[in-house]
Amino acid sequence: MKHPLALLSRLAAPLALVVLLLAVVAPSPTAASANHVQVRFHAVGGSGVSGIADLRQLSGGGTRIHVVAFGLKPGASYLSLYYDNHTCELEPYSVDDVIGGIYTANRAGVGTTRGTADDDLDEINSVSVRKADFTLVACADVHP
């Protein structure tokens, strides 16, 4: 059996990142400016999934999106999409709407992805976390 301190030292960096990310958005559910929005994911269907979507308008057009999701099933595959609607409802979409491709949750149930959307920030209304079979597990309303 491993010593508890050895386990704690292996988890220290990921836990510090989680605390830092939560501290950044803790004062309000949405932190926003004209060129930057940071919103929380809300669990869908009792999934228990939460997290943060960070969206930044690019000067040449398009939006950089970074997703950090918590409460995922370790080892499972997920994907995130962005939408015109505010509810993460599937729309006719292209592969370009997928943010960074499929990602896998780590042993702590944390998954991350990032990518660049062709749409400008003011055109993106929600971001999702979905299982690889497209089941919606969390949604963030970008412009409530």
N, C-alpha and C. Protein backbone atom coordinates (compact mmCIF):
# COMPACT_ATOMS: atom_id res chain seq x y z
N MET A 1 0.84 -1.18 0.00
CA MET A 1 0.00 0.00 0.00
C MET A 1 0.88 1.24 0.00
N LYS A 2 0.56 2.17 -0.87
CA LYS A 2 1.34 3.39 -0.97
C LYS A 2 1.05 4.29 0.22
N HIS A 3 2.05 5.02 0.60
CA HIS A 3 1.91 5.97 1.69
C HIS A 3 0.98 7.10 1.28
N PRO A 4 0.08 7.55 2.18
CA PRO A 4 -0.86 8.62 1.82
C PRO A 4 -0.18 9.89 1.34
N LEU A 5 1.00 10.20 1.85
CA LEU A 5 1.69 11.41 1.40
C LEU A 5 2.16 11.29 -0.04
N ALA A 6 2.51 10.06 -0.48
CA ALA A 6 2.92 9.87 -1.88
C ALA A 6 1.74 10.15 -2.81
N LEU A 7 0.56 9.67 -2.42
CA LEU A 7 -0.63 9.93 -3.21
C LEU A 7 -0.95 11.42 -3.23
N LEU A 8 -0.85 12.07 -2.08
CA LEU A 8 -1.12 13.50 -1.99
C LEU A 8 -0.18 14.30 -2.88
N SER A 9 1.09 13.93 -2.91
CA SER A 9 2.05 14.67 -3.73
C SER A 9 1.75 14.51 -5.21
N ARG A 10 1.23 13.36 -5.63
CA ARG A 10 0.88 13.14 -7.04
C ARG A 10 -0.36 13.93 -7.43
N LEU A 11 -1.24 14.21 -6.46
CA LEU A 11 -2.48 14.93 -6.76
C LEU A 11 -2.36 16.43 -6.52
N ALA A 12 -1.25 16.88 -5.95
CA ALA A 12 -1.12 18.29 -5.57
C ALA A 12 -1.26 19.24 -6.75
N ALA A 13 -0.56 18.98 -7.85
CA ALA A 13 -0.61 19.89 -8.99
C ALA A 13 -2.01 19.95 -9.62
N PRO A 14 -2.66 18.79 -9.89
CA PRO A 14 -4.02 18.88 -10.45
C PRO A 14 -5.00 19.56 -9.51
N LEU A 15 -4.88 19.31 -8.20
CA LEU A 15 -5.78 19.95 -7.24
C LEU A 15 -5.54 21.45 -7.19
N ALA A 16 -4.29 21.86 -7.27
CA ALA A 16 -3.98 23.29 -7.27
C ALA A 16 -4.59 23.97 -8.49
N LEU A 17 -4.54 23.31 -9.65
CA LEU A 17 -5.14 23.87 -10.87
C LEU A 17 -6.64 24.02 -10.70
N VAL A 18 -7.29 23.01 -10.13
CA VAL A 18 -8.74 23.07 -9.91
C VAL A 18 -9.08 24.23 -8.99
N VAL A 19 -8.35 24.36 -7.88
CA VAL A 19 -8.61 25.45 -6.93
C VAL A 19 -8.41 26.80 -7.60
N LEU A 20 -7.36 26.93 -8.39
CA LEU A 20 -7.09 28.19 -9.08
C LEU A 20 -8.21 28.53 -10.06
N LEU A 21 -8.63 27.56 -10.84
CA LEU A 21 -9.69 27.81 -11.81
C LEU A 21 -11.00 28.18 -11.13
N LEU A 22 -11.32 27.50 -10.04
CA LEU A 22 -12.54 27.82 -9.32
C LEU A 22 -12.46 29.19 -8.66
N ALA A 23 -11.30 29.56 -8.18
CA ALA A 23 -11.13 30.87 -7.55
C ALA A 23 -11.30 31.99 -8.55
N VAL A 24 -10.87 31.77 -9.78
CA VAL A 24 -10.97 32.80 -10.81
C VAL A 24 -12.42 33.12 -11.12
N VAL A 25 -13.30 32.12 -11.12
CA VAL A 25 -14.69 32.35 -11.49
C VAL A 25 -15.64 32.36 -10.30
N ALA A 26 -15.16 32.16 -9.09
CA ALA A 26 -16.04 32.06 -7.94
C ALA A 26 -16.88 33.30 -7.67
N PRO A 27 -16.37 34.53 -7.88
CA PRO A 27 -17.18 35.69 -7.53
C PRO A 27 -18.48 35.81 -8.30
N SER A 28 -18.57 35.30 -9.52
CA SER A 28 -19.79 35.41 -10.29
C SER A 28 -19.89 34.24 -11.24
N PRO A 29 -21.13 33.89 -11.65
CA PRO A 29 -21.27 32.77 -12.58
C PRO A 29 -20.69 33.08 -13.95
N THR A 30 -20.57 34.35 -14.29
CA THR A 30 -20.05 34.73 -15.59
C THR A 30 -19.12 35.92 -15.44
N ALA A 31 -17.91 35.79 -15.93
CA ALA A 31 -16.99 36.92 -15.99
C ALA A 31 -16.89 37.27 -17.47
N ALA A 32 -17.12 38.54 -17.83
CA ALA A 32 -17.17 38.85 -19.25
C ALA A 32 -16.61 40.23 -19.56
N SER A 33 -16.11 40.35 -20.79
CA SER A 33 -15.75 41.63 -21.38
C SER A 33 -16.10 41.50 -22.86
N ALA A 34 -15.84 42.54 -23.63
CA ALA A 34 -16.17 42.49 -25.05
C ALA A 34 -15.38 41.42 -25.79
N ASN A 35 -14.18 41.08 -25.30
CA ASN A 35 -13.32 40.14 -26.00
C ASN A 35 -13.05 38.85 -25.24
N HIS A 36 -13.64 38.69 -24.06
CA HIS A 36 -13.36 37.51 -23.23
C HIS A 36 -14.57 37.17 -22.38
N VAL A 37 -14.94 35.90 -22.38
CA VAL A 37 -16.04 35.41 -21.55
C VAL A 37 -15.58 34.13 -20.87
N GLN A 38 -15.89 34.01 -19.59
CA GLN A 38 -15.60 32.80 -18.84
C GLN A 38 -16.90 32.38 -18.15
N VAL A 39 -17.40 31.19 -18.47
CA VAL A 39 -18.69 30.74 -17.94
C VAL A 39 -18.57 29.34 -17.35
N ARG A 40 -19.48 29.05 -16.43
CA ARG A 40 -19.51 27.73 -15.78
C ARG A 40 -20.43 26.79 -16.54
N PHE A 41 -20.04 25.53 -16.55
CA PHE A 41 -20.91 24.48 -17.07
C PHE A 41 -21.90 24.10 -15.98
N HIS A 42 -23.11 23.75 -16.40
CA HIS A 42 -24.13 23.25 -15.50
C HIS A 42 -24.48 21.83 -15.91
N ALA A 43 -24.56 20.94 -14.93
CA ALA A 43 -24.85 19.53 -15.20
C ALA A 43 -26.22 19.38 -15.87
N VAL A 44 -26.31 18.42 -16.75
CA VAL A 44 -27.56 18.10 -17.45
C VAL A 44 -27.93 16.66 -17.12
N GLY A 45 -29.19 16.44 -16.82
CA GLY A 45 -29.67 15.08 -16.56
C GLY A 45 -29.05 14.41 -15.36
N GLY A 46 -28.69 15.18 -14.35
CA GLY A 46 -28.11 14.59 -13.14
C GLY A 46 -26.72 14.02 -13.33
N SER A 47 -26.00 14.48 -14.35
CA SER A 47 -24.68 13.94 -14.67
C SER A 47 -23.62 14.26 -13.61
N GLY A 48 -23.78 15.37 -12.89
CA GLY A 48 -22.77 15.78 -11.92
C GLY A 48 -21.57 16.45 -12.56
N VAL A 49 -21.61 16.67 -13.86
CA VAL A 49 -20.49 17.29 -14.57
C VAL A 49 -20.56 18.81 -14.41
N SER A 50 -19.41 19.41 -14.12
CA SER A 50 -19.30 20.87 -14.01
C SER A 50 -18.03 21.29 -14.73
N GLY A 51 -17.70 22.56 -14.64
CA GLY A 51 -16.46 23.02 -15.25
C GLY A 51 -16.55 24.44 -15.73
N ILE A 52 -15.61 24.80 -16.59
CA ILE A 52 -15.48 26.17 -17.07
C ILE A 52 -15.20 26.17 -18.57
N ALA A 53 -15.83 27.11 -19.27
CA ALA A 53 -15.51 27.38 -20.67
C ALA A 53 -14.94 28.78 -20.73
N ASP A 54 -13.77 28.92 -21.32
CA ASP A 54 -13.10 30.20 -21.46
C ASP A 54 -13.06 30.53 -22.95
N LEU A 55 -13.69 31.64 -23.35
CA LEU A 55 -13.77 32.03 -24.75
C LEU A 55 -13.11 33.38 -24.93
N ARG A 56 -12.21 33.50 -25.93
CA ARG A 56 -11.51 34.75 -26.21
C ARG A 56 -11.61 35.08 -27.69
N GLN A 57 -12.12 36.27 -27.97
CA GLN A 57 -12.20 36.77 -29.34
C GLN A 57 -10.78 36.94 -29.89
N LEU A 58 -10.53 36.47 -31.10
CA LEU A 58 -9.23 36.65 -31.74
C LEU A 58 -9.25 37.91 -32.60
N SER A 59 -8.16 38.62 -32.64
CA SER A 59 -8.12 39.90 -33.36
C SER A 59 -8.38 39.74 -34.85
N GLY A 60 -7.99 38.62 -35.44
CA GLY A 60 -8.21 38.40 -36.86
C GLY A 60 -9.53 37.73 -37.18
N GLY A 61 -10.39 37.55 -36.19
CA GLY A 61 -11.66 36.85 -36.37
C GLY A 61 -11.62 35.46 -35.77
N GLY A 62 -12.75 34.97 -35.35
CA GLY A 62 -12.82 33.67 -34.70
C GLY A 62 -12.66 33.79 -33.19
N THR A 63 -12.82 32.66 -32.52
CA THR A 63 -12.79 32.63 -31.07
C THR A 63 -11.97 31.44 -30.59
N ARG A 64 -11.08 31.68 -29.65
CA ARG A 64 -10.32 30.61 -29.00
C ARG A 64 -11.15 30.11 -27.83
N ILE A 65 -11.41 28.80 -27.77
CA ILE A 65 -12.23 28.21 -26.72
C ILE A 65 -11.42 27.17 -25.96
N HIS A 66 -11.43 27.27 -24.63
CA HIS A 66 -10.77 26.30 -23.76
C HIS A 66 -11.82 25.75 -22.79
N VAL A 67 -11.94 24.43 -22.74
CA VAL A 67 -12.91 23.76 -21.89
C VAL A 67 -12.17 22.96 -20.82
N VAL A 68 -12.61 23.10 -19.56
CA VAL A 68 -12.14 22.26 -18.46
C VAL A 68 -13.39 21.69 -17.80
N ALA A 69 -13.53 20.36 -17.79
CA ALA A 69 -14.72 19.72 -17.23
C ALA A 69 -14.32 18.80 -16.08
N PHE A 70 -15.14 18.81 -15.03
CA PHE A 70 -14.93 18.00 -13.83
C PHE A 70 -16.11 17.04 -13.66
N GLY A 71 -15.87 15.94 -12.96
CA GLY A 71 -16.94 14.99 -12.69
C GLY A 71 -17.20 14.03 -13.83
N LEU A 72 -16.23 13.90 -14.74
CA LEU A 72 -16.36 12.97 -15.86
C LEU A 72 -15.97 11.56 -15.41
N LYS A 73 -16.37 10.58 -16.18
CA LYS A 73 -16.00 9.20 -15.87
C LYS A 73 -14.55 8.98 -16.32
N PRO A 74 -13.65 8.63 -15.39
CA PRO A 74 -12.25 8.43 -15.76
C PRO A 74 -12.09 7.44 -16.92
N GLY A 75 -11.28 7.82 -17.89
CA GLY A 75 -11.01 6.98 -19.05
C GLY A 75 -12.04 7.06 -20.16
N ALA A 76 -13.18 7.70 -19.90
CA ALA A 76 -14.23 7.81 -20.92
C ALA A 76 -13.90 8.93 -21.90
N SER A 77 -14.47 8.83 -23.10
CA SER A 77 -14.24 9.82 -24.16
C SER A 77 -15.38 10.84 -24.21
N TYR A 78 -15.01 12.09 -24.46
CA TYR A 78 -15.95 13.20 -24.51
C TYR A 78 -15.62 14.12 -25.69
N LEU A 79 -16.56 14.99 -26.03
CA LEU A 79 -16.30 16.04 -27.00
C LEU A 79 -17.11 17.25 -26.59
N SER A 80 -16.67 18.41 -27.04
CA SER A 80 -17.35 19.66 -26.77
C SER A 80 -17.63 20.36 -28.08
N LEU A 81 -18.81 20.97 -28.16
CA LEU A 81 -19.21 21.72 -29.33
C LEU A 81 -19.66 23.11 -28.91
N TYR A 82 -19.69 24.03 -29.88
CA TYR A 82 -20.26 25.35 -29.63
C TYR A 82 -21.48 25.51 -30.53
N TYR A 83 -22.43 26.39 -30.08
CA TYR A 83 -23.74 26.48 -30.72
C TYR A 83 -24.19 27.92 -30.90
N ASP A 84 -25.15 28.10 -31.82
CA ASP A 84 -25.83 29.38 -31.98
C ASP A 84 -26.90 29.56 -30.91
N ASN A 85 -27.48 28.43 -30.41
CA ASN A 85 -28.55 28.51 -29.42
C ASN A 85 -27.96 28.58 -28.00
N HIS A 86 -28.81 28.87 -27.02
CA HIS A 86 -28.36 29.04 -25.63
C HIS A 86 -28.50 27.78 -24.79
N THR A 87 -28.94 26.66 -25.38
CA THR A 87 -29.26 25.46 -24.60
C THR A 87 -28.45 24.22 -25.00
N CYS A 88 -27.44 24.38 -25.80
CA CYS A 88 -26.61 23.26 -26.28
C CYS A 88 -27.43 22.23 -27.05
N GLU A 89 -28.51 22.69 -27.67
CA GLU A 89 -29.32 21.81 -28.49
C GLU A 89 -28.60 21.52 -29.79
N LEU A 90 -28.51 20.23 -30.15
CA LEU A 90 -27.83 19.87 -31.39
C LEU A 90 -28.49 20.55 -32.57
N GLU A 91 -27.66 21.14 -33.40
CA GLU A 91 -28.09 21.82 -34.62
C GLU A 91 -27.41 21.10 -35.78
N PRO A 92 -27.85 21.35 -36.99
CA PRO A 92 -27.02 20.87 -38.09
C PRO A 92 -25.63 21.49 -37.90
N TYR A 93 -24.63 20.68 -37.80
CA TYR A 93 -23.30 21.19 -37.50
C TYR A 93 -22.27 20.57 -38.42
N SER A 94 -21.10 21.15 -38.41
CA SER A 94 -19.99 20.58 -39.16
C SER A 94 -18.91 20.17 -38.16
N VAL A 95 -17.95 19.45 -38.63
CA VAL A 95 -16.84 19.03 -37.79
C VAL A 95 -16.13 20.25 -37.19
N ASP A 96 -16.21 21.39 -37.85
CA ASP A 96 -15.59 22.62 -37.35
C ASP A 96 -16.21 23.09 -36.04
N ASP A 97 -17.43 22.65 -35.72
CA ASP A 97 -18.10 23.06 -34.48
C ASP A 97 -17.59 22.28 -33.27
N VAL A 98 -16.84 21.21 -33.51
CA VAL A 98 -16.24 20.43 -32.42
C VAL A 98 -14.98 21.16 -31.96
N ILE A 99 -14.87 21.34 -30.65
CA ILE A 99 -13.75 22.09 -30.07
C ILE A 99 -12.60 21.12 -29.80
N GLY A 100 -11.59 21.14 -30.64
CA GLY A 100 -10.37 20.39 -30.40
C GLY A 100 -10.42 18.89 -30.58
N GLY A 101 -11.54 18.30 -30.88
CA GLY A 101 -11.62 16.86 -31.07
C GLY A 101 -12.04 16.12 -29.81
N ILE A 102 -12.00 14.81 -29.87
CA ILE A 102 -12.39 13.96 -28.74
C ILE A 102 -11.29 14.00 -27.68
N TYR A 103 -11.71 14.06 -26.41
CA TYR A 103 -10.75 14.05 -25.30
C TYR A 103 -11.17 13.01 -24.28
N THR A 104 -10.22 12.60 -23.46
CA THR A 104 -10.44 11.54 -22.47
C THR A 104 -10.26 12.10 -21.07
N ALA A 105 -11.17 11.74 -20.18
CA ALA A 105 -11.07 12.17 -18.78
C ALA A 105 -9.91 11.43 -18.10
N ASN A 106 -9.16 12.16 -17.29
CA ASN A 106 -8.06 11.53 -16.56
C ASN A 106 -8.60 10.75 -15.36
N ARG A 107 -7.68 10.19 -14.55
CA ARG A 107 -8.09 9.35 -13.42
C ARG A 107 -8.89 10.12 -12.37
N ALA A 108 -8.73 11.44 -12.34
CA ALA A 108 -9.48 12.27 -11.40
C ALA A 108 -10.83 12.73 -11.97
N GLY A 109 -11.15 12.30 -13.20
CA GLY A 109 -12.42 12.70 -13.82
C GLY A 109 -12.40 14.08 -14.43
N VAL A 110 -11.20 14.58 -14.75
CA VAL A 110 -11.06 15.90 -15.36
C VAL A 110 -10.69 15.74 -16.83
N GLY A 111 -11.36 16.50 -17.69
CA GLY A 111 -11.05 16.48 -19.11
C GLY A 111 -10.91 17.90 -19.62
N THR A 112 -10.00 18.09 -20.57
CA THR A 112 -9.79 19.42 -21.15
C THR A 112 -9.67 19.31 -22.66
N THR A 113 -10.08 20.38 -23.31
CA THR A 113 -9.89 20.50 -24.74
C THR A 113 -9.83 21.98 -25.08
N ARG A 114 -9.24 22.28 -26.21
CA ARG A 114 -9.19 23.66 -26.69
C ARG A 114 -9.15 23.65 -28.20
N GLY A 115 -9.65 24.73 -28.75
CA GLY A 115 -9.66 24.86 -30.20
C GLY A 115 -10.08 26.26 -30.61
N THR A 116 -10.09 26.49 -31.90
CA THR A 116 -10.45 27.79 -32.43
C THR A 116 -11.71 27.66 -33.28
N ALA A 117 -12.71 28.46 -32.95
CA ALA A 117 -13.96 28.48 -33.70
C ALA A 117 -13.86 29.52 -34.81
N ASP A 118 -14.48 29.25 -35.94
CA ASP A 118 -14.54 30.22 -37.03
C ASP A 118 -15.43 31.40 -36.67
N ASP A 119 -16.43 31.17 -35.81
CA ASP A 119 -17.38 32.21 -35.42
C ASP A 119 -16.75 33.18 -34.43
N ASP A 120 -17.19 34.43 -34.48
CA ASP A 120 -16.76 35.42 -33.50
C ASP A 120 -17.47 35.17 -32.18
N LEU A 121 -16.91 35.70 -31.10
CA LEU A 121 -17.44 35.49 -29.75
C LEU A 121 -18.91 35.88 -29.63
N ASP A 122 -19.31 36.97 -30.25
CA ASP A 122 -20.71 37.41 -30.12
C ASP A 122 -21.69 36.50 -30.86
N GLU A 123 -21.21 35.55 -31.64
CA GLU A 123 -22.06 34.61 -32.37
C GLU A 123 -22.18 33.26 -31.68
N ILE A 124 -21.38 33.03 -30.65
CA ILE A 124 -21.39 31.75 -29.92
C ILE A 124 -22.24 31.94 -28.67
N ASN A 125 -23.30 31.14 -28.54
CA ASN A 125 -24.23 31.31 -27.44
C ASN A 125 -24.17 30.21 -26.39
N SER A 126 -23.61 29.06 -26.70
CA SER A 126 -23.45 28.02 -25.69
C SER A 126 -22.33 27.07 -26.11
N VAL A 127 -21.82 26.36 -25.09
CA VAL A 127 -20.75 25.37 -25.27
C VAL A 127 -21.16 24.14 -24.46
N SER A 128 -20.91 22.95 -25.00
CA SER A 128 -21.33 21.73 -24.32
C SER A 128 -20.16 20.82 -23.98
N VAL A 129 -20.46 19.90 -23.05
CA VAL A 129 -19.65 18.71 -22.82
C VAL A 129 -20.58 17.55 -23.11
N ARG A 130 -20.17 16.67 -24.01
CA ARG A 130 -20.98 15.52 -24.42
C ARG A 130 -20.14 14.25 -24.35
N LYS A 131 -20.80 13.14 -24.03
CA LYS A 131 -20.15 11.85 -24.16
C LYS A 131 -19.85 11.64 -25.64
N ALA A 132 -18.95 10.73 -25.95
CA ALA A 132 -18.57 10.49 -27.34
C ALA A 132 -19.76 10.05 -28.19
N ASP A 133 -20.82 9.52 -27.55
CA ASP A 133 -22.03 9.14 -28.30
C ASP A 133 -23.00 10.32 -28.46
N PHE A 134 -22.55 11.53 -28.11
CA PHE A 134 -23.28 12.79 -28.22
C PHE A 134 -24.32 13.02 -27.13
N THR A 135 -24.35 12.20 -26.08
CA THR A 135 -25.23 12.46 -24.94
C THR A 135 -24.74 13.70 -24.22
N LEU A 136 -25.61 14.68 -24.05
CA LEU A 136 -25.28 15.93 -23.38
C LEU A 136 -25.15 15.70 -21.88
N VAL A 137 -24.01 16.12 -21.29
CA VAL A 137 -23.81 15.99 -19.84
C VAL A 137 -23.62 17.33 -19.14
N ALA A 138 -23.27 18.39 -19.88
CA ALA A 138 -23.13 19.73 -19.28
C ALA A 138 -23.24 20.78 -20.38
N CYS A 139 -23.77 21.95 -19.97
CA CYS A 139 -23.96 23.06 -20.91
C CYS A 139 -23.59 24.37 -20.23
N ALA A 140 -22.97 25.26 -20.98
CA ALA A 140 -22.65 26.61 -20.50
C ALA A 140 -23.29 27.61 -21.45
N ASP A 141 -24.14 28.48 -20.90
CA ASP A 141 -24.77 29.55 -21.68
C ASP A 141 -23.80 30.72 -21.70
N VAL A 142 -23.27 31.05 -22.86
CA VAL A 142 -22.22 32.05 -23.00
C VAL A 142 -22.73 33.47 -22.82
N HIS A 143 -23.91 33.77 -23.34
CA HIS A 143 -24.47 35.12 -23.25
C HIS A 143 -25.87 35.06 -22.66
N PRO A 144 -25.98 34.79 -21.34
CA PRO A 144 -27.33 34.63 -20.74
C PRO A 144 -28.13 35.92 -20.77
